[in-house]
Protein backbone atom coordinates (compact mmCIF):
# COMPACT_ATOMS: atom_id res chain seq x y z
CA MET A 1 0.00 0.00 0.00
CA PRO A 2 1.44 3.40 -0.91
CA GLY A 3 2.38 5.71 1.93
CA ALA A 4 -0.25 8.23 0.82
CA GLU A 5 -2.95 5.77 1.84
CA TYR A 6 -1.94 6.22 5.49
CA ASP A 7 -2.52 9.98 5.37
CA ARG A 8 -6.18 9.69 4.45
CA ASP A 9 -7.65 9.07 7.89
CA PRO A 10 -5.60 10.45 10.78
CA ARG A 11 -8.25 9.32 13.29
CA ARG A 12 -7.79 5.72 12.20
CA ILE A 13 -4.02 6.02 12.53
CA GLU A 14 -4.44 7.50 16.02
CA TRP A 15 -6.82 4.69 16.97
CA GLN A 16 -4.32 2.07 15.75
CA ALA A 17 -1.52 3.75 17.70
CA ARG A 18 -3.62 3.78 20.86
CA LEU A 19 -4.55 0.13 20.34
CA ILE A 20 -0.89 -0.84 19.97
CA ALA A 21 0.06 1.20 23.04
CA SER A 22 -2.76 -0.38 25.09
CA THR A 23 -2.01 -3.96 24.10
CA PRO A 24 0.37 -4.79 26.99
CA ALA A 25 -2.17 -3.55 29.56
CA LEU A 26 -5.02 -5.44 27.87
CA ARG A 27 -2.90 -8.59 27.79
CA GLN A 28 -2.17 -8.25 31.51
CA ILE A 29 -5.88 -7.84 32.27
CA ALA A 30 -6.64 -10.97 30.24
CA ARG A 31 -3.98 -12.92 32.14
CA GLU A 32 -5.37 -11.74 35.48
CA LEU A 33 -8.89 -12.68 34.41
CA LEU A 34 -7.60 -16.12 33.42
CA VAL A 35 -6.08 -16.65 36.88
CA VAL A 36 -9.23 -15.49 38.68
CA VAL A 37 -11.51 -17.73 36.62
CA VAL A 38 -9.26 -20.79 36.87
CA ASP A 39 -8.79 -20.33 40.63
CA SER A 40 -12.52 -19.86 41.27
CA HIS A 41 -13.42 -23.42 40.16
CA ASP A 42 -16.97 -22.11 39.76
CA SER A 43 -17.23 -20.45 36.40
CA SER A 44 -19.98 -20.12 33.89
CA PRO A 45 -19.79 -21.40 30.31
CA ALA A 46 -19.31 -17.81 29.17
CA LEU A 47 -16.24 -17.41 31.39
CA ASP A 48 -14.92 -20.80 30.28
CA ASP A 49 -15.21 -19.56 26.69
CA LEU A 50 -13.23 -16.42 27.59
CA VAL A 51 -10.53 -18.57 29.18
CA ARG A 52 -10.25 -20.62 25.98
CA LYS A 53 -9.95 -17.44 23.92
CA VAL A 54 -7.26 -15.97 26.19
CA ARG A 55 -5.29 -19.22 26.07
CA ALA A 56 -5.56 -19.31 22.27
CA ILE A 57 -4.26 -15.75 22.00
CA GLU A 58 -1.40 -16.47 24.41
CA ARG A 59 -0.46 -19.54 22.33
CA PHE A 60 -0.55 -17.46 19.17
CA LEU A 61 1.70 -14.81 20.73
CA SER A 62 4.21 -17.34 22.03
CA GLU A 63 4.50 -19.35 18.81
CA VAL A 64 6.82 -17.08 16.87
CA PRO A 65 7.84 -18.81 13.64
CA GLU A 66 11.49 -19.59 13.06
CA PRO A 67 13.15 -17.39 10.46
CA GLU A 68 13.22 -18.90 7.01
CA GLU A 69 16.56 -20.19 5.87
CA GLN A 70 18.13 -18.15 3.13
CA THR A 71 18.49 -19.85 -0.21
CA GLU A 72 21.77 -19.85 -2.10
CA ALA A 73 20.35 -17.34 -4.58
CA ALA A 74 19.61 -14.92 -1.76
CA GLU A 75 23.09 -15.34 -0.34
CA VAL A 76 24.68 -14.54 -3.71
CA ALA A 77 22.67 -11.35 -4.16
């Protein structure tokens, strides 16, 4: 996407920046919620579903793919 596309909606860019900046705090809240629900041993199906979602996101974040090996052609260039 050309750089000019980013200049079209400054509010959207600001929203994305705030989302990125808030992510660590939101992740911490999700982790705390997970601990509270798991420790309570008395959760509703809705909370159990949230726990599954948090665990899935944590797995996704922790499974960083290995870097691809460079091919010989890339090494020559």
